[in-house]
Amino acid sequence: MSANFSNWLRRRQSRNALMKLDDRQLADIGISRSEIDFLLDGTRQHR
């Protein structure tokens, strides 16, 4: 399996897991739903 595909698959699995959390659970770990994709792409802006 190529590294790019492995990275994509890991990001997809992480996104799916994070999207299953409710907003309160996301807040407990310090992110909002709108930040998930940015976080996984490594482009999250610090608050």
C-alpha atoms as a PDB file:
ATOM      1  CA  MET A   1       0.000   0.000   0.000  1.00  0.00           C
ATOM      2  CA  SER A   2       1.394   3.396  -0.894  1.00  0.00           C
ATOM      3  CA  ALA A   3       2.135   5.968   1.789  1.00  0.00           C
ATOM      4  CA  ASN A   4      -0.322   8.451   0.262  1.00  0.00           C
ATOM      5  CA  PHE A   5      -3.149   5.933   0.341  1.00  0.00           C
ATOM      6  CA  SER A   6      -2.287   4.906   3.898  1.00  0.00           C
ATOM      7  CA  ASN A   7      -2.359   8.551   5.006  1.00  0.00           C
ATOM      8  CA  TRP A   8      -5.665   9.157   3.241  1.00  0.00           C
ATOM      9  CA  LEU A   9      -7.199   6.060   4.819  1.00  0.00           C
ATOM     10  CA  ARG A  10      -6.016   7.069   8.302  1.00  0.00           C
ATOM     11  CA  ARG A  11      -7.423  10.612   7.878  1.00  0.00           C
ATOM     12  CA  ARG A  12     -10.734   9.176   6.640  1.00  0.00           C
ATOM     13  CA  GLN A  13     -11.012   6.814   9.610  1.00  0.00           C
ATOM     14  CA  SER A  14     -10.121   9.616  12.020  1.00  0.00           C
ATOM     15  CA  ARG A  15     -12.675  11.954  10.436  1.00  0.00           C
ATOM     16  CA  ASN A  16     -15.389   9.305  10.666  1.00  0.00           C
ATOM     17  CA  ALA A  17     -14.590   8.683  14.345  1.00  0.00           C
ATOM     18  CA  LEU A  18     -14.584  12.403  15.178  1.00  0.00           C
ATOM     19  CA  MET A  19     -17.835  13.013  13.297  1.00  0.00           C
ATOM     20  CA  LYS A  20     -19.540  10.387  15.480  1.00  0.00           C
ATOM     21  CA  LEU A  21     -18.803  12.458  18.594  1.00  0.00           C
ATOM     22  CA  ASP A  22     -21.351  14.982  19.765  1.00  0.00           C
ATOM     23  CA  ASP A  23     -20.482  18.671  20.107  1.00  0.00           C
ATOM     24  CA  ARG A  24     -19.905  18.384  23.841  1.00  0.00           C
ATOM     25  CA  GLN A  25     -17.417  15.536  23.407  1.00  0.00           C
ATOM     26  CA  LEU A  26     -15.605  17.506  20.723  1.00  0.00           C
ATOM     27  CA  ALA A  27     -15.446  20.534  23.024  1.00  0.00           C
ATOM     28  CA  ASP A  28     -13.960  18.319  25.747  1.00  0.00           C
ATOM     29  CA  ILE A  29     -11.023  17.547  23.468  1.00  0.00           C
ATOM     30  CA  GLY A  30     -10.711  21.170  22.383  1.00  0.00           C
ATOM     31  CA  ILE A  31     -12.115  21.200  18.859  1.00  0.00           C
ATOM     32  CA  SER A  32     -15.348  22.147  17.162  1.00  0.00           C
ATOM     33  CA  ARG A  33     -17.056  20.223  14.396  1.00  0.00           C
ATOM     34  CA  SER A  34     -16.098  22.887  11.846  1.00  0.00           C
ATOM     35  CA  GLU A  35     -12.402  22.344  12.652  1.00  0.00           C
ATOM     36  CA  ILE A  36     -12.268  18.596  12.019  1.00  0.00           C
ATOM     37  CA  ASP A  37     -11.227  18.718   8.365  1.00  0.00           C
ATOM     38  CA  PHE A  38      -8.684  21.479   8.995  1.00  0.00           C
ATOM     39  CA  LEU A  39      -7.265  19.567  11.942  1.00  0.00           C
ATOM     40  CA  LEU A  40      -6.829  16.383   9.943  1.00  0.00           C
ATOM     41  CA  ASP A  41      -5.252  18.279   7.033  1.00  0.00           C
ATOM     42  CA  GLY A  42      -2.803  19.940   9.408  1.00  0.00           C
ATOM     43  CA  THR A  43      -4.083  23.437   8.662  1.00  0.00           C
ATOM     44  CA  ARG A  44      -5.852  24.182  11.940  1.00  0.00           C
ATOM     45  CA  GLN A  45      -5.415  27.754  13.085  1.00  0.00           C
ATOM     46  CA  HIS A  46      -4.593  28.263  16.746  1.00  0.00           C
ATOM     47  CA  ARG A  47      -7.289  30.118  18.667  1.00  0.00           C
END
